[in-house]
Protein backbone atom coordinates (compact mmCIF):
# COMPACT_ATOMS: atom_id res chain seq x y z
CA UNK A 1 37.70 -61.17 -44.96
CA UNK A 2 38.64 -59.09 -41.91
CA UNK A 3 36.95 -59.15 -38.55
CA UNK A 4 33.66 -57.29 -38.41
CA UNK A 5 33.32 -55.10 -35.33
CA UNK A 6 29.78 -54.79 -34.00
CA UNK A 7 28.67 -51.17 -33.75
CA UNK A 8 25.28 -51.79 -32.15
CA UNK A 9 26.64 -51.90 -28.58
CA UNK A 10 26.35 -48.47 -26.98
CA UNK A 11 29.22 -47.09 -24.92
CA UNK A 12 28.58 -44.38 -22.34
CA UNK A 13 31.39 -41.90 -21.70
CA UNK A 14 31.07 -39.66 -18.63
CA UNK A 15 33.34 -36.66 -18.28
CA UNK A 16 33.02 -34.97 -14.90
CA UNK A 17 34.66 -31.58 -15.31
CA UNK A 18 36.07 -29.49 -12.48
CA UNK A 19 38.32 -26.48 -13.13
CA UNK A 20 40.06 -27.94 -16.18
CA UNK A 21 39.35 -25.10 -18.61
CA UNK A 22 42.82 -25.48 -20.10
CA UNK A 23 42.24 -29.15 -20.93
CA UNK A 24 38.52 -29.89 -21.22
CA UNK A 25 38.12 -29.14 -24.94
CA UNK A 26 40.83 -31.59 -25.97
CA UNK A 27 39.37 -34.22 -23.67
CA UNK A 28 35.89 -33.87 -25.17
CA UNK A 29 37.17 -33.75 -28.76
CA UNK A 30 39.13 -36.95 -28.19
CA UNK A 31 35.82 -38.69 -27.43
CA UNK A 32 34.05 -37.08 -30.38
CA UNK A 33 36.92 -38.21 -32.66
CA UNK A 34 36.65 -41.90 -31.76
CA UNK A 35 36.40 -44.32 -34.67
CA UNK A 36 33.67 -46.23 -32.84
CA UNK A 37 30.28 -44.69 -33.80
CA UNK A 38 27.86 -45.71 -31.05
CA UNK A 39 28.90 -43.44 -28.17
CA UNK A 40 26.71 -41.66 -25.64
CA UNK A 41 28.68 -38.72 -24.23
CA UNK A 42 27.56 -37.09 -20.98
CA UNK A 43 29.55 -34.13 -19.68
CA UNK A 44 28.87 -32.69 -16.23
CA UNK A 45 30.53 -29.54 -14.96
CA UNK A 46 30.73 -29.97 -11.20
CA UNK A 47 30.75 -26.36 -10.05
CA UNK A 48 33.90 -25.13 -11.81
CA UNK A 49 35.02 -21.61 -10.95
CA UNK A 50 36.95 -21.17 -14.20
CA UNK A 51 35.69 -21.02 -17.81
CA UNK A 52 35.04 -24.76 -18.12
CA UNK A 53 31.24 -24.49 -18.35
CA UNK A 54 31.41 -21.88 -21.13
CA UNK A 55 33.84 -24.00 -23.14
CA UNK A 56 31.70 -27.12 -22.73
CA UNK A 57 28.56 -25.17 -23.62
CA UNK A 58 30.12 -23.97 -26.87
CA UNK A 59 31.08 -27.52 -27.83
CA UNK A 60 27.68 -28.88 -26.82
CA UNK A 61 25.94 -26.34 -29.06
CA UNK A 62 28.05 -27.59 -31.97
CA UNK A 63 27.95 -31.35 -31.35
CA UNK A 64 24.79 -31.93 -29.34
CA UNK A 65 26.09 -34.18 -26.57
CA UNK A 66 24.42 -34.26 -23.14
CA UNK A 67 25.69 -31.44 -20.90
CA UNK A 68 24.66 -30.48 -17.38
CA UNK A 69 26.14 -27.88 -15.08
CA UNK A 70 25.66 -28.19 -11.33
CA UNK A 71 26.83 -26.92 -7.97
CA UNK A 72 29.79 -28.92 -6.72
CA UNK A 73 28.78 -32.40 -5.54
CA UNK A 74 32.05 -34.30 -5.74
CA UNK A 75 33.35 -36.76 -8.30
CA UNK A 76 31.81 -40.07 -7.26
CA UNK A 77 28.36 -38.63 -6.58
CA UNK A 78 28.46 -36.86 -9.95
CA UNK A 79 29.50 -40.04 -11.76
CA UNK A 80 26.81 -42.18 -10.10
CA UNK A 81 24.09 -39.66 -10.99
CA UNK A 82 25.22 -39.42 -14.61
CA UNK A 83 25.56 -43.18 -15.03
CA UNK A 84 22.08 -43.72 -13.56
CA UNK A 85 20.55 -41.78 -16.47
CA UNK A 86 22.83 -43.27 -19.12
CA UNK A 87 22.03 -46.27 -21.33
CA UNK A 88 25.34 -47.73 -22.52
CA UNK A 89 26.27 -51.39 -22.03
CA UNK A 90 29.84 -50.32 -21.33
CA UNK A 91 30.81 -47.31 -19.22
CA UNK A 92 33.88 -45.08 -19.29
CA UNK A 93 34.53 -42.47 -16.61
CA UNK A 94 37.04 -40.22 -18.32
CA UNK A 95 39.19 -37.45 -16.86
CA UNK A 96 38.52 -33.94 -18.09
CA UNK A 97 42.27 -33.44 -18.49
CA UNK A 98 43.08 -36.69 -20.32
CA UNK A 99 42.95 -37.70 -24.00
CA UNK A 100 41.64 -40.87 -25.70
CA UNK A 101 43.50 -42.23 -28.69
CA UNK A 102 41.15 -42.58 -31.70
CA UNK A 103 40.85 -46.40 -31.75
CA UNK A 104 40.48 -46.77 -27.99
CA UNK A 105 36.76 -47.50 -27.69
CA UNK A 106 36.59 -49.69 -30.79
CA UNK A 107 39.48 -51.79 -29.47
CA UNK A 108 37.99 -52.25 -26.01
CA UNK A 109 34.46 -53.02 -27.25
CA UNK A 110 35.76 -55.65 -29.64
CA UNK A 111 37.75 -57.24 -26.83
CA UNK A 112 34.95 -57.27 -24.24
CA UNK A 113 32.03 -58.41 -26.39
CA UNK A 114 32.59 -62.15 -26.01
CA UNK A 115 34.16 -62.07 -22.52
CA UNK A 116 31.37 -61.73 -19.92
CA UNK A 117 33.87 -62.66 -17.20
CA UNK A 118 35.73 -59.36 -17.76
CA UNK A 119 34.26 -56.57 -15.62
CA UNK A 120 36.84 -53.94 -16.54
CA UNK A 121 39.03 -53.61 -19.62
CA UNK A 122 42.01 -51.27 -19.40
CA UNK A 123 45.17 -50.66 -21.42
CA UNK A 124 48.47 -48.87 -21.66
CA UNK A 125 48.89 -45.10 -21.66
CA UNK A 126 51.33 -42.33 -22.38
CA UNK A 127 52.08 -39.50 -19.99
CA UNK A 128 51.77 -35.94 -21.26
CA UNK A 129 52.39 -32.62 -19.54
CA UNK A 130 50.18 -29.57 -19.23
CA UNK A 131 51.00 -28.53 -22.80
CA UNK A 132 50.22 -31.96 -24.19
CA UNK A 133 53.86 -32.90 -24.82
CA UNK A 134 55.02 -36.46 -24.10
CA UNK A 135 57.41 -37.26 -21.28
CA UNK A 136 60.04 -39.12 -23.41
CA UNK A 137 61.65 -40.87 -20.44
CA UNK A 138 58.30 -42.34 -19.38
CA UNK A 139 57.20 -43.78 -22.72
CA UNK A 140 58.36 -47.26 -21.75
CA UNK A 141 54.89 -47.70 -20.23
CA UNK A 142 53.77 -48.72 -23.73
CA UNK A 143 55.66 -52.00 -23.22
CA UNK A 144 53.64 -53.30 -20.25
CA UNK A 145 52.31 -56.70 -21.41
CA UNK A 146 48.76 -57.99 -21.26
CA UNK A 147 47.65 -59.07 -17.80
CA UNK A 148 44.47 -60.53 -16.30
CA UNK A 149 43.98 -59.36 -12.73
CA UNK A 150 42.02 -60.89 -9.86
CA UNK A 151 41.05 -59.26 -6.57
CA UNK A 152 44.20 -60.51 -4.85
CA UNK A 153 46.36 -59.32 -7.74
CA UNK A 154 45.02 -55.80 -7.19
CA UNK A 155 44.76 -55.80 -3.40
CA UNK A 156 48.23 -57.27 -2.92
CA UNK A 157 49.69 -55.07 -5.69
CA UNK A 158 51.19 -58.01 -7.57
CA UNK A 159 51.17 -56.27 -10.97
CA UNK A 160 51.07 -52.66 -12.22
CA UNK A 161 47.68 -51.17 -11.38
CA UNK A 162 45.51 -50.22 -14.38
CA UNK A 163 45.20 -46.51 -15.02
CA UNK A 164 41.79 -44.88 -14.51
CA UNK A 165 42.39 -43.06 -17.81
CA UNK A 166 42.11 -46.38 -19.65
CA UNK A 167 39.27 -48.21 -17.87
CA UNK A 168 36.05 -49.39 -19.54
CA UNK A 169 33.51 -51.04 -17.22
CA UNK A 170 30.77 -53.53 -17.97
CA UNK A 171 27.50 -51.97 -16.78
CA UNK A 172 26.28 -55.27 -15.37
CA UNK A 173 29.36 -55.53 -13.16
CA UNK A 174 29.21 -51.86 -12.13
CA UNK A 175 25.56 -52.14 -11.09
CA UNK A 176 26.09 -55.48 -9.36
CA UNK A 177 28.52 -53.88 -6.89
CA UNK A 178 26.40 -50.77 -6.29
CA UNK A 179 28.42 -48.30 -8.34
CA UNK A 180 30.94 -45.84 -6.94
CA UNK A 181 31.03 -45.12 -3.21
CA UNK A 182 29.90 -41.47 -2.91
CA UNK A 183 31.92 -41.10 0.30
CA UNK A 184 35.25 -42.14 -1.27
CA UNK A 185 36.20 -39.79 -4.11
CA UNK A 186 39.24 -41.86 -5.18
CA UNK A 187 37.11 -43.91 -7.53
CA UNK A 188 39.40 -46.16 -9.60
CA UNK A 189 40.99 -48.24 -6.82
CA UNK A 190 37.73 -49.04 -5.03
CA UNK A 191 35.62 -49.85 -8.10
CA UNK A 192 38.35 -52.19 -9.36
CA UNK A 193 38.49 -53.98 -6.01
CA UNK A 194 34.70 -54.21 -5.74
CA UNK A 195 34.26 -55.59 -9.25
CA UNK A 196 37.01 -58.19 -8.88
CA UNK A 197 35.74 -59.09 -5.41
CA UNK A 198 32.43 -59.90 -7.12
CA UNK A 199 34.24 -62.47 -9.28
CA UNK A 200 35.03 -60.52 -12.44
CA UNK A 201 38.48 -60.01 -13.95
CA UNK A 202 40.27 -56.79 -14.90
CA UNK A 203 41.98 -57.38 -18.25
CA UNK A 204 44.67 -54.87 -19.18
CA UNK A 205 45.48 -54.80 -22.90
CA UNK A 206 49.03 -54.33 -24.12
CA UNK A 207 48.07 -51.61 -26.60
CA UNK A 208 48.11 -47.86 -25.99
CA UNK A 209 44.61 -46.40 -25.49
CA UNK A 210 44.95 -43.05 -23.69
CA UNK A 211 47.17 -40.15 -22.74
CA UNK A 212 47.27 -39.32 -19.04
CA UNK A 213 48.06 -35.71 -18.26
CA UNK A 214 50.39 -34.80 -15.40
CA UNK A 215 50.08 -31.23 -14.12
CA UNK A 216 50.29 -29.36 -10.79
CA UNK A 217 46.70 -30.08 -9.72
CA UNK A 218 46.65 -33.87 -10.26
CA UNK A 219 44.83 -35.68 -7.45
CA UNK A 220 47.75 -38.04 -6.84
CA UNK A 221 49.90 -35.06 -5.79
CA UNK A 222 47.53 -34.32 -2.89
CA UNK A 223 49.16 -36.68 -0.42
CA UNK A 224 46.66 -36.28 2.42
CA UNK A 225 43.77 -36.92 0.03
CA UNK A 226 45.48 -40.02 -1.33
CA UNK A 227 46.32 -41.52 2.04
CA UNK A 228 42.92 -40.81 3.56
CA UNK A 229 40.97 -42.35 0.70
CA UNK A 230 43.24 -45.32 0.05
CA UNK A 231 43.10 -46.26 3.74
CA UNK A 232 39.31 -45.90 3.73
CA UNK A 233 39.21 -48.16 0.68
CA UNK A 234 41.42 -50.80 2.26
CA UNK A 235 39.34 -50.65 5.46
CA UNK A 236 36.34 -51.95 3.50
CA UNK A 237 38.32 -55.18 3.07
CA UNK A 238 39.68 -55.38 6.62
CA UNK A 239 38.67 -59.05 6.88
CA UNK A 240 41.24 -60.00 4.25
CA UNK A 241 44.08 -61.93 5.95
CA UNK A 242 46.70 -59.62 4.40
CA UNK A 243 44.89 -56.37 5.19
CA UNK A 244 47.44 -55.08 7.72
CA UNK A 245 50.39 -55.93 5.47
CA UNK A 246 48.73 -54.13 2.55
CA UNK A 247 47.84 -51.10 4.68
CA UNK A 248 51.31 -50.65 6.15
CA UNK A 249 53.11 -51.33 2.88
CA UNK A 250 51.13 -48.42 1.42
CA UNK A 251 51.91 -46.19 4.42
CA UNK A 252 55.62 -47.05 4.07
CA UNK A 253 55.51 -46.07 0.41
CA UNK A 254 53.81 -42.76 1.18
CA UNK A 255 56.21 -42.09 4.05
CA UNK A 256 59.15 -42.54 1.70
CA UNK A 257 57.51 -40.36 -0.96
CA UNK A 258 56.73 -37.48 1.43
CA UNK A 259 59.85 -37.66 3.60
CA UNK A 260 61.57 -34.73 1.89
CA UNK A 261 58.52 -33.24 0.14
CA UNK A 262 56.11 -32.74 3.05
CA UNK A 263 58.02 -33.43 6.22
CA UNK A 264 55.20 -32.55 8.58
CA UNK A 265 52.93 -35.10 6.92
CA UNK A 266 55.77 -37.64 6.74
CA UNK A 267 56.13 -37.45 10.52
CA UNK A 268 52.40 -38.06 10.89
CA UNK A 269 52.69 -41.13 8.67
CA UNK A 270 55.71 -42.42 10.61
CA UNK A 271 53.70 -42.21 13.82
CA UNK A 272 51.13 -44.57 12.23
CA UNK A 273 53.73 -47.20 11.34
CA UNK A 274 54.24 -49.92 13.98
CA UNK A 275 57.91 -50.90 14.23
CA UNK A 276 57.10 -54.48 13.25
CA UNK A 277 55.99 -53.17 9.84
CA UNK A 278 59.14 -51.13 9.25
CA UNK A 279 61.23 -52.10 6.25
CA UNK A 280 63.71 -50.74 3.73
CA UNK A 281 61.35 -47.97 2.63
CA UNK A 282 60.97 -46.87 6.25
CA UNK A 283 64.73 -46.65 6.69
CA UNK A 284 65.17 -44.83 3.39
CA UNK A 285 62.40 -42.45 4.42
CA UNK A 286 64.09 -41.79 7.76
CA UNK A 287 67.26 -40.92 5.89
CA UNK A 288 65.41 -38.48 3.66
CA UNK A 289 63.45 -37.01 6.54
CA UNK A 290 66.37 -36.28 8.85
CA UNK A 291 69.52 -36.26 6.73
CA UNK A 292 68.69 -34.81 3.29
CA UNK A 293 67.81 -31.37 2.07
CA UNK A 294 64.38 -30.63 0.64
CA UNK A 295 64.19 -30.86 -3.18
CA UNK A 296 64.39 -27.63 -5.12
CA UNK A 297 61.26 -26.53 -7.05
């Protein structure tokens, strides 16, 4: 007799939509097409200026999920408000441009049910482009093995960080740490650190659960946004003995990344790097900044 998966545990999925009219329908349908039956779907359009709200409204009329449209309030505020009126024991904040694979929620619920020590369950993912096609050269991500992560594992970047597109949170853990910080819109890094700092683990399954979409408006391509919010996140843990090393390792990485992509910003980052924290990435970045041509687009 095979394993019986409990279906009585409700899972809340929040999709905060902002100007993703080209992708939002596939994102919503991937939730509606889950094999797990007990799902509470809340979709919030956060002041989109494109056709997102009309597309969501059409789907809501057909499928009856919870839909609210509001003036722009920002991602973390929107998520906190939606979660506060939700009722699921597990919570998924899902990108309005990403896609869940059909067995995702069933797999994660089954895994988390008897593991109260796990605050977040994540998994592997594929990368797709704006058309939904896979990046063949990046599909090796499916081979990342299972890992159980502590606060230091995440803060010190010892292992590959779990993708926000794959995370399922335990409500008890989420509420224990006060939810998302409304002032820091880069939500996945901080909530993972807060939940592990409270004593929970992040378990990352070896199976594929989602498709993460790369396109020109991805948040991670906004370098100033990334640096500002990652540094604000790290500052909340400034008492950690490795805080400065973590902070400057990140700045070195961003300096290298921007050195021939956004040279003005790269120079600003270099000015924030004390010489004692320079390393190979700093030297490589200097080479890119002063001795290489800008990449062609």
